[in-house]
């Protein structure tokens, strides 16, 4: 069975919060270089620097929705101290994750969970 994202009419917006389907979206100041964050409480944060209703916003939401799906089906999880991907645990501290013996910043494309 295929996973289908809701169409754009499912996106409801106000000044600082909205929803995409049943997923709450909140606009906020995020760290430099971070455009979106998927949270294990079922919310997505989008950077205030992303233009509302832009192609960039759509791309950020699609990326973060993939993380949400991975968390819901148990492929991806995280705590303050680690990230779990397909049962493998990776140490996490101060905005970095240890992967293949090296520390990379969170969101780095080297991580298998960022390959989408």
PDB file of N, CA and C in Angstrom:
ATOM      1  N   UNK A   1       0.847  -1.174   0.000  1.00  0.00           N
ATOM      2  CA  UNK A   1       0.000   0.000   0.000  1.00  0.00           C
ATOM      3  C   UNK A   1       0.891   1.233   0.000  1.00  0.00           C
ATOM      4  N   UNK A   2       0.585   2.188  -0.800  1.00  0.00           N
ATOM      5  CA  UNK A   2       1.393   3.399  -0.928  1.00  0.00           C
ATOM      6  C   UNK A   2       0.982   4.440   0.093  1.00  0.00           C
ATOM      7  N   UNK A   3       1.970   5.199   0.549  1.00  0.00           N
ATOM      8  CA  UNK A   3       1.694   6.335   1.427  1.00  0.00           C
ATOM      9  C   UNK A   3       1.503   7.553   0.552  1.00  0.00           C
ATOM     10  N   UNK A   4       0.413   8.258   0.752  1.00  0.00           N
ATOM     11  CA  UNK A   4       0.117   9.420  -0.065  1.00  0.00           C
ATOM     12  C   UNK A   4       0.004  10.648   0.835  1.00  0.00           C
ATOM     13  N   UNK A   5       0.742  11.693   0.503  1.00  0.00           N
ATOM     14  CA  UNK A   5       0.623  12.937   1.245  1.00  0.00           C
ATOM     15  C   UNK A   5      -0.672  13.632   0.863  1.00  0.00           C
ATOM     16  N   UNK A   6      -1.277  14.336   1.802  1.00  0.00           N
ATOM     17  CA  UNK A   6      -2.487  15.079   1.453  1.00  0.00           C
ATOM     18  C   UNK A   6      -2.181  16.148   0.413  1.00  0.00           C
ATOM     19  N   UNK A   7      -3.194  16.507  -0.383  1.00  0.00           N
ATOM     20  CA  UNK A   7      -2.958  17.553  -1.374  1.00  0.00           C
ATOM     21  C   UNK A   7      -2.830  18.910  -0.690  1.00  0.00           C
ATOM     22  N   UNK A   8      -2.430  19.892  -1.442  1.00  0.00           N
ATOM     23  CA  UNK A   8      -2.158  21.213  -0.876  1.00  0.00           C
ATOM     24  C   UNK A   8      -3.369  21.804  -0.173  1.00  0.00           C
ATOM     25  N   UNK A   9      -4.589  21.416  -0.555  1.00  0.00           N
ATOM     26  CA  UNK A   9      -5.774  21.949   0.117  1.00  0.00           C
ATOM     27  C   UNK A   9      -5.866  21.458   1.555  1.00  0.00           C
ATOM     28  N   UNK A  10      -5.096  20.410   1.902  1.00  0.00           N
ATOM     29  CA  UNK A  10      -5.076  19.916   3.276  1.00  0.00           C
ATOM     30  C   UNK A  10      -4.181  20.773   4.159  1.00  0.00           C
ATOM     31  N   UNK A  11      -3.425  21.674   3.555  1.00  0.00           N
ATOM     32  CA  UNK A  11      -2.531  22.546   4.300  1.00  0.00           C
ATOM     33  C   UNK A  11      -3.303  23.763   4.779  1.00  0.00           C
ATOM     34  N   UNK A  12      -3.445  23.886   6.097  1.00  0.00           N
ATOM     35  CA  UNK A  12      -4.171  25.009   6.687  1.00  0.00           C
ATOM     36  C   UNK A  12      -3.177  25.881   7.421  1.00  0.00           C
ATOM     37  N   UNK A  13      -3.268  27.169   7.249  1.00  0.00           N
ATOM     38  CA  UNK A  13      -2.229  28.033   7.783  1.00  0.00           C
ATOM     39  C   UNK A  13      -2.785  29.235   8.533  1.00  0.00           C
ATOM     40  N   UNK A  14      -2.061  29.616   9.575  1.00  0.00           N
ATOM     41  CA  UNK A  14      -2.266  30.901  10.242  1.00  0.00           C
ATOM     42  C   UNK A  14      -0.880  31.515  10.360  1.00  0.00           C
ATOM     43  N   UNK A  15      -0.726  32.581  11.131  1.00  0.00           N
ATOM     44  CA  UNK A  15       0.546  33.292  11.149  1.00  0.00           C
ATOM     45  C   UNK A  15       1.733  32.412  11.576  1.00  0.00           C
ATOM     46  N   UNK A  16       1.637  31.695  12.695  1.00  0.00           N
ATOM     47  CA  UNK A  16       2.771  30.928  13.194  1.00  0.00           C
ATOM     48  C   UNK A  16       2.523  29.432  13.312  1.00  0.00           C
ATOM     49  N   UNK A  17       1.333  28.983  12.963  1.00  0.00           N
ATOM     50  CA  UNK A  17       1.079  27.548  13.021  1.00  0.00           C
ATOM     51  C   UNK A  17       0.103  27.171  11.927  1.00  0.00           C
ATOM     52  N   UNK A  18       0.124  25.894  11.593  1.00  0.00           N
ATOM     53  CA  UNK A  18      -0.741  25.376  10.550  1.00  0.00           C
ATOM     54  C   UNK A  18      -0.794  23.870  10.730  1.00  0.00           C
ATOM     55  N   UNK A  19      -1.380  23.208   9.768  1.00  0.00           N
ATOM     56  CA  UNK A  19      -1.349  21.746   9.792  1.00  0.00           C
ATOM     57  C   UNK A  19      -1.253  21.245   8.370  1.00  0.00           C
ATOM     58  N   UNK A  20      -0.723  20.055   8.244  1.00  0.00           N
ATOM     59  CA  UNK A  20      -0.625  19.378   6.966  1.00  0.00           C
ATOM     60  C   UNK A  20      -1.278  18.030   7.197  1.00  0.00           C
ATOM     61  N   UNK A  21      -2.482  17.857   6.674  1.00  0.00           N
ATOM     62  CA  UNK A  21      -3.273  16.704   7.071  1.00  0.00           C
ATOM     63  C   UNK A  21      -3.558  16.843   8.553  1.00  0.00           C
ATOM     64  N   UNK A  22      -3.193  15.841   9.338  1.00  0.00           N
ATOM     65  CA  UNK A  22      -3.401  15.920  10.789  1.00  0.00           C
ATOM     66  C   UNK A  22      -2.123  16.279  11.533  1.00  0.00           C
ATOM     67  N   UNK A  23      -1.055  16.624  10.807  1.00  0.00           N
ATOM     68  CA  UNK A  23       0.224  16.945  11.438  1.00  0.00           C
ATOM     69  C   UNK A  23       0.336  18.443  11.697  1.00  0.00           C
ATOM     70  N   UNK A  24       0.448  18.839  12.972  1.00  0.00           N
ATOM     71  CA  UNK A  24       0.628  20.265  13.274  1.00  0.00           C
ATOM     72  C   UNK A  24       1.984  20.776  12.791  1.00  0.00           C
ATOM     73  N   UNK A  25       1.964  21.920  12.120  1.00  0.00           N
ATOM     74  CA  UNK A  25       3.172  22.573  11.611  1.00  0.00           C
ATOM     75  C   UNK A  25       3.319  23.893  12.358  1.00  0.00           C
ATOM     76  N   UNK A  26       4.514  24.124  12.924  1.00  0.00           N
ATOM     77  CA  UNK A  26       4.758  25.376  13.641  1.00  0.00           C
ATOM     78  C   UNK A  26       5.959  26.087  13.045  1.00  0.00           C
ATOM     79  N   UNK A  27       5.788  27.362  12.759  1.00  0.00           N
ATOM     80  CA  UNK A  27       6.874  28.194  12.245  1.00  0.00           C
ATOM     81  C   UNK A  27       7.610  28.791  13.430  1.00  0.00           C
ATOM     82  N   UNK A  28       8.932  28.710  13.372  1.00  0.00           N
ATOM     83  CA  UNK A  28       9.731  29.261  14.460  1.00  0.00           C
ATOM     84  C   UNK A  28      11.157  29.522  14.016  1.00  0.00           C
ATOM     85  N   UNK A  29      11.898  30.202  14.865  1.00  0.00           N
ATOM     86  CA  UNK A  29      13.319  30.406  14.602  1.00  0.00           C
ATOM     87  C   UNK A  29      14.036  29.099  14.904  1.00  0.00           C
ATOM     88  N   UNK A  30      14.741  28.566  13.904  1.00  0.00           N
ATOM     89  CA  UNK A  30      15.538  27.360  14.081  1.00  0.00           C
ATOM     90  C   UNK A  30      17.003  27.721  13.922  1.00  0.00           C
ATOM     91  N   UNK A  31      17.879  26.841  14.389  1.00  0.00           N
ATOM     92  CA  UNK A  31      19.313  27.097  14.285  1.00  0.00           C
ATOM     93  C   UNK A  31      19.715  27.338  12.831  1.00  0.00           C
ATOM     94  N   UNK A  32      20.806  28.042  12.641  1.00  0.00           N
ATOM     95  CA  UNK A  32      21.316  28.366  11.313  1.00  0.00           C
ATOM     96  C   UNK A  32      21.455  27.104  10.466  1.00  0.00           C
ATOM     97  N   UNK A  33      20.948  27.154   9.243  1.00  0.00           N
ATOM     98  CA  UNK A  33      21.048  26.040   8.321  1.00  0.00           C
ATOM     99  C   UNK A  33      19.967  24.981   8.475  1.00  0.00           C
ATOM    100  N   UNK A  34      19.124  25.100   9.482  1.00  0.00           N
ATOM    101  CA  UNK A  34      18.051  24.119   9.695  1.00  0.00           C
ATOM    102  C   UNK A  34      16.743  24.713   9.185  1.00  0.00           C
ATOM    103  N   UNK A  35      16.129  24.015   8.225  1.00  0.00           N
ATOM    104  CA  UNK A  35      14.884  24.496   7.632  1.00  0.00           C
ATOM    105  C   UNK A  35      13.659  23.825   8.230  1.00  0.00           C
ATOM    106  N   UNK A  36      13.815  22.607   8.779  1.00  0.00           N
ATOM    107  CA  UNK A  36      12.684  21.900   9.353  1.00  0.00           C
ATOM    108  C   UNK A  36      13.130  20.848  10.333  1.00  0.00           C
ATOM    109  N   UNK A  37      12.217  20.485  11.230  1.00  0.00           N
ATOM    110  CA  UNK A  37      12.477  19.440  12.217  1.00  0.00           C
ATOM    111  C   UNK A  37      11.205  18.631  12.410  1.00  0.00           C
ATOM    112  N   UNK A  38      11.331  17.310  12.356  1.00  0.00           N
ATOM    113  CA  UNK A  38      10.225  16.409  12.690  1.00  0.00           C
ATOM    114  C   UNK A  38      10.401  15.995  14.143  1.00  0.00           C
ATOM    115  N   UNK A  39       9.357  16.098  14.921  1.00  0.00           N
ATOM    116  CA  UNK A  39       9.429  15.815  16.350  1.00  0.00           C
ATOM    117  C   UNK A  39       8.647  14.564  16.699  1.00  0.00           C
ATOM    118  N   UNK A  40       9.122  13.841  17.715  1.00  0.00           N
ATOM    119  CA  UNK A  40       8.452  12.596  18.083  1.00  0.00           C
ATOM    120  C   UNK A  40       7.101  12.818  18.754  1.00  0.00           C
ATOM    121  N   UNK A  41       6.727  14.062  18.993  1.00  0.00           N
ATOM    122  CA  UNK A  41       5.380  14.346  19.515  1.00  0.00           C
ATOM    123  C   UNK A  41       4.365  14.526  18.381  1.00  0.00           C
ATOM    124  N   UNK A  42       4.824  14.323  17.119  1.00  0.00           N
ATOM    125  CA  UNK A  42       3.925  14.407  15.972  1.00  0.00           C
ATOM    126  C   UNK A  42       3.845  15.774  15.328  1.00  0.00           C
ATOM    127  N   UNK A  43       4.666  16.723  15.761  1.00  0.00           N
ATOM    128  CA  UNK A  43       4.670  18.065  15.174  1.00  0.00           C
ATOM    129  C   UNK A  43       5.877  18.228  14.257  1.00  0.00           C
ATOM    130  N   UNK A  44       5.777  19.205  13.366  1.00  0.00           N
ATOM    131  CA  UNK A  44       6.895  19.590  12.509  1.00  0.00           C
ATOM    132  C   UNK A  44       7.142  21.075  12.713  1.00  0.00           C
ATOM    133  N   UNK A  45       8.408  21.431  12.904  1.00  0.00           N
ATOM    134  CA  UNK A  45       8.810  22.833  12.952  1.00  0.00           C
ATOM    135  C   UNK A  45       9.363  23.213  11.588  1.00  0.00           C
ATOM    136  N   UNK A  46       8.985  24.387  11.111  1.00  0.00           N
ATOM    137  CA  UNK A  46       9.521  24.941   9.866  1.00  0.00           C
ATOM    138  C   UNK A  46      10.140  26.289  10.201  1.00  0.00           C
ATOM    139  N   UNK A  47      11.321  26.528   9.673  1.00  0.00           N
ATOM    140  CA  UNK A  47      12.032  27.774   9.921  1.00  0.00           C
ATOM    141  C   UNK A  47      11.229  28.978   9.427  1.00  0.00           C
ATOM    142  N   UNK A  48      11.283  30.057  10.193  1.00  0.00           N
ATOM    143  CA  UNK A  48      10.663  31.317   9.779  1.00  0.00           C
ATOM    144  C   UNK A  48      11.302  31.862   8.502  1.00  0.00           C
ATOM    145  N   UNK A  49      12.488  31.363   8.152  1.00  0.00           N
ATOM    146  CA  UNK A  49      13.186  31.828   6.956  1.00  0.00           C
ATOM    147  C   UNK A  49      12.630  31.205   5.674  1.00  0.00           C
ATOM    148  N   UNK A  50      11.783  30.175   5.821  1.00  0.00           N
ATOM    149  CA  UNK A  50      11.180  29.525   4.656  1.00  0.00           C
ATOM    150  C   UNK A  50       9.907  30.286   4.280  1.00  0.00           C
ATOM    151  N   UNK A  51       9.825  30.709   3.032  1.00  0.00           N
ATOM    152  CA  UNK A  51       8.664  31.465   2.550  1.00  0.00           C
ATOM    153  C   UNK A  51       7.412  30.586   2.557  1.00  0.00           C
ATOM    154  N   UNK A  52       6.335  31.033   3.223  1.00  0.00           N
ATOM    155  CA  UNK A  52       5.089  30.251   3.224  1.00  0.00           C
ATOM    156  C   UNK A  52       4.581  30.009   1.803  1.00  0.00           C
ATOM    157  N   UNK A  53       4.051  28.828   1.575  1.00  0.00           N
ATOM    158  CA  UNK A  53       3.465  28.422   0.295  1.00  0.00           C
ATOM    159  C   UNK A  53       4.467  28.383  -0.857  1.00  0.00           C
ATOM    160  N   UNK A  54       5.751  28.317  -0.545  1.00  0.00           N
ATOM    161  CA  UNK A  54       6.784  28.265  -1.587  1.00  0.00           C
ATOM    162  C   UNK A  54       7.123  26.814  -1.922  1.00  0.00           C
ATOM    163  N   UNK A  55       7.844  26.642  -3.012  1.00  0.00           N
ATOM    164  CA  UNK A  55       8.339  25.308  -3.373  1.00  0.00           C
ATOM    165  C   UNK A  55       9.294  24.803  -2.293  1.00  0.00           C
ATOM    166  N   UNK A  56      10.084  25.707  -1.712  1.00  0.00           N
ATOM    167  CA  UNK A  56      10.998  25.310  -0.641  1.00  0.00           C
ATOM    168  C   UNK A  56      10.213  24.773   0.557  1.00  0.00           C
ATOM    169  N   UNK A  57       9.116  25.440   0.920  1.00  0.00           N
ATOM    170  CA  UNK A  57       8.302  24.969   2.034  1.00  0.00           C
ATOM    171  C   UNK A  57       7.740  23.576   1.730  1.00  0.00           C
ATOM    172  N   UNK A  58       7.265  23.379   0.521  1.00  0.00           N
ATOM    173  CA  UNK A  58       6.723  22.082   0.131  1.00  0.00           C
ATOM    174  C   UNK A  58       7.802  21.005   0.257  1.00  0.00           C
ATOM    175  N   UNK A  59       9.006  21.304  -0.201  1.00  0.00           N
ATOM    176  CA  UNK A  59      10.113  20.360  -0.137  1.00  0.00           C
ATOM    177  C   UNK A  59      10.479  20.028   1.318  1.00  0.00           C
ATOM    178  N   UNK A  60      10.538  21.049   2.167  1.00  0.00           N
ATOM    179  CA  UNK A  60      10.839  20.847   3.592  1.00  0.00           C
ATOM    180  C   UNK A  60       9.768  19.964   4.232  1.00  0.00           C
ATOM    181  N   UNK A  61       8.504  20.264   3.961  1.00  0.00           N
ATOM    182  CA  UNK A  61       7.414  19.472   4.547  1.00  0.00           C
ATOM    183  C   UNK A  61       7.456  18.024   4.072  1.00  0.00           C
ATOM    184  N   UNK A  62       7.726  17.792   2.804  1.00  0.00           N
ATOM    185  CA  UNK A  62       7.800  16.422   2.293  1.00  0.00           C
ATOM    186  C   UNK A  62       8.943  15.659   2.973  1.00  0.00           C
ATOM    187  N   UNK A  63      10.078  16.317   3.140  1.00  0.00           N
ATOM    188  CA  UNK A  63      11.228  15.704   3.796  1.00  0.00           C
ATOM    189  C   UNK A  63      10.892  15.350   5.249  1.00  0.00           C
ATOM    190  N   UNK A  64      10.320  16.292   5.966  1.00  0.00           N
ATOM    191  CA  UNK A  64      10.007  16.061   7.382  1.00  0.00           C
ATOM    192  C   UNK A  64       8.874  15.048   7.551  1.00  0.00           C
ATOM    193  N   UNK A  65       7.938  15.011   6.606  1.00  0.00           N
ATOM    194  CA  UNK A  65       6.865  14.006   6.671  1.00  0.00           C
ATOM    195  C   UNK A  65       7.439  12.600   6.498  1.00  0.00           C
ATOM    196  N   UNK A  66       8.506  12.464   5.708  1.00  0.00           N
ATOM    197  CA  UNK A  66       9.157  11.155   5.580  1.00  0.00           C
ATOM    198  C   UNK A  66       9.733  10.731   6.927  1.00  0.00           C
ATOM    199  N   UNK A  67      10.369  11.673   7.639  1.00  0.00           N
ATOM    200  CA  UNK A  67      10.866  11.365   8.986  1.00  0.00           C
ATOM    201  C   UNK A  67       9.711  10.964   9.913  1.00  0.00           C
ATOM    202  N   UNK A  68       8.592  11.688   9.816  1.00  0.00           N
ATOM    203  CA  UNK A  68       7.430  11.370  10.664  1.00  0.00           C
ATOM    204  C   UNK A  68       6.953   9.941  10.387  1.00  0.00           C
ATOM    205  N   UNK A  69       6.871   9.585   9.114  1.00  0.00           N
ATOM    206  CA  UNK A  69       6.444   8.233   8.741  1.00  0.00           C
ATOM    207  C   UNK A  69       7.428   7.205   9.290  1.00  0.00           C
ATOM    208  N   UNK A  70       8.735   7.457   9.127  1.00  0.00           N
ATOM    209  CA  UNK A  70       9.748   6.538   9.645  1.00  0.00           C
ATOM    210  C   UNK A  70       9.624   6.367  11.157  1.00  0.00           C
ATOM    211  N   UNK A  71       9.315   7.438  11.876  1.00  0.00           N
ATOM    212  CA  UNK A  71       9.141   7.340  13.324  1.00  0.00           C
ATOM    213  C   UNK A  71       7.882   6.544  13.668  1.00  0.00           C
ATOM    214  N   UNK A  72       6.799   6.785  12.936  1.00  0.00           N
ATOM    215  CA  UNK A  72       5.539   6.093  13.223  1.00  0.00           C
ATOM    216  C   UNK A  72       5.628   4.594  12.987  1.00  0.00           C
ATOM    217  N   UNK A  73       6.410   4.163  11.998  1.00  0.00           N
ATOM    218  CA  UNK A  73       6.530   2.727  11.711  1.00  0.00           C
ATOM    219  C   UNK A  73       7.698   2.078  12.458  1.00  0.00           C
ATOM    220  N   UNK A  74       8.427   2.853  13.252  1.00  0.00           N
ATOM    221  CA  UNK A  74       9.491   2.298  14.085  1.00  0.00           C
ATOM    222  C   UNK A  74      10.856   2.189  13.440  1.00  0.00           C
ATOM    223  N   UNK A  75      11.043   2.762  12.253  1.00  0.00           N
ATOM    224  CA  UNK A  75      12.365   2.742  11.611  1.00  0.00           C
ATOM    225  C   UNK A  75      13.316   3.749  12.253  1.00  0.00           C
ATOM    226  N   UNK A  76      12.777   4.869  12.707  1.00  0.00           N
ATOM    227  CA  UNK A  76      13.574   5.979  13.220  1.00  0.00           C
ATOM    228  C   UNK A  76      13.065   6.382  14.599  1.00  0.00           C
ATOM    229  N   UNK A  77      13.982   6.664  15.488  1.00  0.00           N
ATOM    230  CA  UNK A  77      13.634   7.174  16.810  1.00  0.00           C
ATOM    231  C   UNK A  77      14.803   7.975  17.349  1.00  0.00           C
ATOM    232  N   UNK A  78      14.542   8.762  18.357  1.00  0.00           N
ATOM    233  CA  UNK A  78      15.641   9.520  18.942  1.00  0.00           C
ATOM    234  C   UNK A  78      15.342   9.894  20.382  1.00  0.00           C
ATOM    235  N   UNK A  79      16.415  10.098  21.126  1.00  0.00           N
ATOM    236  CA  UNK A  79      16.366  10.676  22.467  1.00  0.00           C
ATOM    237  C   UNK A  79      17.389  11.802  22.460  1.00  0.00           C
ATOM    238  N   UNK A  80      17.591  12.431  23.596  1.00  0.00           N
ATOM    239  CA  UNK A  80      18.619  13.469  23.680  1.00  0.00           C
ATOM    240  C   UNK A  80      20.013  12.888  23.446  1.00  0.00           C
ATOM    241  N   UNK A  81      20.187  11.577  23.729  1.00  0.00           N
ATOM    242  CA  UNK A  81      21.513  10.969  23.701  1.00  0.00           C
ATOM    243  C   UNK A  81      21.794  10.053  22.520  1.00  0.00           C
ATOM    244  N   UNK A  82      20.756   9.688  21.740  1.00  0.00           N
ATOM    245  CA  UNK A  82      21.002   8.774  20.632  1.00  0.00           C
ATOM    246  C   UNK A  82      19.915   8.849  19.569  1.00  0.00           C
ATOM    247  N   UNK A  83      20.276   8.385  18.382  1.00  0.00           N
ATOM    248  CA  UNK A  83      19.340   8.205  17.273  1.00  0.00           C
ATOM    249  C   UNK A  83      19.310   6.708  16.995  1.00  0.00           C
ATOM    250  N   UNK A  84      18.125   6.160  16.779  1.00  0.00           N
ATOM    251  CA  UNK A  84      17.989   4.753  16.421  1.00  0.00           C
ATOM    252  C   UNK A  84      17.451   4.673  14.999  1.00  0.00           C
ATOM    253  N   UNK A  85      18.155   3.918  14.162  1.00  0.00           N
ATOM    254  CA  UNK A  85      17.739   3.722  12.771  1.00  0.00           C
ATOM    255  C   UNK A  85      17.743   2.223  12.485  1.00  0.00           C
ATOM    256  N   UNK A  86      16.577   1.674  12.177  1.00  0.00           N
ATOM    257  CA  UNK A  86      16.439   0.245  11.901  1.00  0.00           C
ATOM    258  C   UNK A  86      17.079  -0.622  12.975  1.00  0.00           C
ATOM    259  N   UNK A  87      16.922  -0.210  14.240  1.00  0.00           N
ATOM    260  CA  UNK A  87      17.430  -0.971  15.376  1.00  0.00           C
ATOM    261  C   UNK A  87      18.859  -0.659  15.766  1.00  0.00           C
ATOM    262  N   UNK A  88      19.609   0.043  14.925  1.00  0.00           N
ATOM    263  CA  UNK A  88      20.982   0.423  15.251  1.00  0.00           C
ATOM    264  C   UNK A  88      20.978   1.767  15.965  1.00  0.00           C
ATOM    265  N   UNK A  89      21.783   1.870  17.028  1.00  0.00           N
ATOM    266  CA  UNK A  89      21.831   3.093  17.832  1.00  0.00           C
ATOM    267  C   UNK A  89      23.096   3.880  17.530  1.00  0.00           C
ATOM    268  N   UNK A  90      22.927   5.210  17.438  1.00  0.00           N
ATOM    269  CA  UNK A  90      24.026   6.110  17.135  1.00  0.00           C
ATOM    270  C   UNK A  90      24.067   7.209  18.198  1.00  0.00           C
ATOM    271  N   UNK A  91      25.238   7.372  18.808  1.00  0.00           N
ATOM    272  CA  UNK A  91      25.411   8.359  19.867  1.00  0.00           C
ATOM    273  C   UNK A  91      25.147   9.767  19.339  1.00  0.00           C
ATOM    274  N   UNK A  92      24.536  10.593  20.188  1.00  0.00           N
ATOM    275  CA  UNK A  92      24.158  11.954  19.811  1.00  0.00           C
ATOM    276  C   UNK A  92      24.550  12.906  20.939  1.00  0.00           C
ATOM    277  N   UNK A  93      25.242  13.985  20.611  1.00  0.00           N
ATOM    278  CA  UNK A  93      25.543  15.010  21.609  1.00  0.00           C
ATOM    279  C   UNK A  93      25.854  16.349  20.952  1.00  0.00           C
ATOM    280  N   UNK A  94      25.372  17.382  21.570  1.00  0.00           N
ATOM    281  CA  UNK A  94      25.634  18.765  21.165  1.00  0.00           C
ATOM    282  C   UNK A  94      25.428  19.008  19.675  1.00  0.00           C
ATOM    283  N   UNK A  95      24.299  18.508  19.138  1.00  0.00           N
ATOM    284  CA  UNK A  95      23.958  18.761  17.746  1.00  0.00           C
ATOM    285  C   UNK A  95      24.716  17.913  16.745  1.00  0.00           C
ATOM    286  N   UNK A  96      25.411  16.862  17.219  1.00  0.00           N
ATOM    287  CA  UNK A  96      26.171  15.978  16.340  1.00  0.00           C
ATOM    288  C   UNK A  96      25.817  14.524  16.629  1.00  0.00           C
ATOM    289  N   UNK A  97      25.999  13.672  15.621  1.00  0.00           N
ATOM    290  CA  UNK A  97      25.713  12.247  15.737  1.00  0.00           C
ATOM    291  C   UNK A  97      26.935  11.480  15.258  1.00  0.00           C
ATOM    292  N   UNK A  98      27.314  10.443  16.032  1.00  0.00           N
ATOM    293  CA  UNK A  98      28.461   9.620  15.660  1.00  0.00           C
ATOM    294  C   UNK A  98      27.989   8.514  14.719  1.00  0.00           C
ATOM    295  N   UNK A  99      28.560   8.510  13.507  1.00  0.00           N
ATOM    296  CA  UNK A  99      28.179   7.554  12.472  1.00  0.00           C
ATOM    297  C   UNK A  99      29.434   7.052  11.777  1.00  0.00           C
ATOM    298  N   UNK A 100      29.605   5.760  11.698  1.00  0.00           N
ATOM    299  CA  UNK A 100      30.801   5.148  11.099  1.00  0.00           C
ATOM    300  C   UNK A 100      32.085   5.708  11.710  1.00  0.00           C
ATOM    301  N   UNK A 101      32.062   5.900  13.024  1.00  0.00           N
ATOM    302  CA  UNK A 101      33.258   6.339  13.740  1.00  0.00           C
ATOM    303  C   UNK A 101      33.571   7.816  13.664  1.00  0.00           C
ATOM    304  N   UNK A 102      32.728   8.599  12.984  1.00  0.00           N
ATOM    305  CA  UNK A 102      32.963  10.044  12.854  1.00  0.00           C
ATOM    306  C   UNK A 102      31.742  10.812  13.356  1.00  0.00           C
ATOM    307  N   UNK A 103      31.977  12.024  13.816  1.00  0.00           N
ATOM    308  CA  UNK A 103      30.895  12.898  14.272  1.00  0.00           C
ATOM    309  C   UNK A 103      30.464  13.805  13.124  1.00  0.00           C
ATOM    310  N   UNK A 104      29.155  13.822  12.858  1.00  0.00           N
ATOM    311  CA  UNK A 104      28.579  14.661  11.812  1.00  0.00           C
ATOM    312  C   UNK A 104      27.485  15.528  12.421  1.00  0.00           C
ATOM    313  N   UNK A 105      27.254  16.722  11.884  1.00  0.00           N
ATOM    314  CA  UNK A 105      26.152  17.549  12.392  1.00  0.00           C
ATOM    315  C   UNK A 105      24.808  16.893  12.075  1.00  0.00           C
ATOM    316  N   UNK A 106      23.856  17.064  12.972  1.00  0.00           N
ATOM    317  CA  UNK A 106      22.508  16.545  12.733  1.00  0.00           C
ATOM    318  C   UNK A 106      22.009  17.053  11.389  1.00  0.00           C
ATOM    319  N   UNK A 107      21.331  16.192  10.649  1.00  0.00           N
ATOM    320  CA  UNK A 107      20.812  16.559   9.336  1.00  0.00           C
ATOM    321  C   UNK A 107      21.779  16.318   8.195  1.00  0.00           C
ATOM    322  N   UNK A 108      23.006  15.891   8.504  1.00  0.00           N
ATOM    323  CA  UNK A 108      24.003  15.638   7.461  1.00  0.00           C
ATOM    324  C   UNK A 108      23.505  14.557   6.511  1.00  0.00           C
ATOM    325  N   UNK A 109      23.765  14.720   5.236  1.00  0.00           N
ATOM    326  CA  UNK A 109      23.303  13.773   4.217  1.00  0.00           C
ATOM    327  C   UNK A 109      24.040  12.433   4.277  1.00  0.00           C
ATOM    328  N   UNK A 110      25.056  12.295   5.121  1.00  0.00           N
ATOM    329  CA  UNK A 110      25.766  11.021   5.282  1.00  0.00           C
ATOM    330  C   UNK A 110      24.893   9.972   5.990  1.00  0.00           C
ATOM    331  N   UNK A 111      23.932  10.405   6.771  1.00  0.00           N
ATOM    332  CA  UNK A 111      23.106   9.478   7.555  1.00  0.00           C
ATOM    333  C   UNK A 111      22.100   8.766   6.645  1.00  0.00           C
ATOM    334  N   UNK A 112      21.900   7.474   6.854  1.00  0.00           N
ATOM    335  CA  UNK A 112      20.937   6.753   6.011  1.00  0.00           C
ATOM    336  C   UNK A 112      19.502   7.276   6.151  1.00  0.00           C
ATOM    337  N   UNK A 113      19.134   7.804   7.299  1.00  0.00           N
ATOM    338  CA  UNK A 113      17.787   8.337   7.478  1.00  0.00           C
ATOM    339  C   UNK A 113      17.582   9.674   6.781  1.00  0.00           C
ATOM    340  N   UNK A 114      18.650  10.261   6.271  1.00  0.00           N
ATOM    341  CA  UNK A 114      18.530  11.515   5.512  1.00  0.00           C
ATOM    342  C   UNK A 114      18.542  11.262   4.005  1.00  0.00           C
ATOM    343  N   UNK A 115      18.538  10.010   3.598  1.00  0.00           N
ATOM    344  CA  UNK A 115      18.627   9.659   2.176  1.00  0.00           C
ATOM    345  C   UNK A 115      17.264   9.610   1.514  1.00  0.00           C
ATOM    346  N   UNK A 116      16.541  10.705   1.557  1.00  0.00           N
ATOM    347  CA  UNK A 116      15.248  10.792   0.865  1.00  0.00           C
ATOM    348  C   UNK A 116      14.967  12.210   0.473  1.00  0.00           C
TER     349      UNK A 116
END
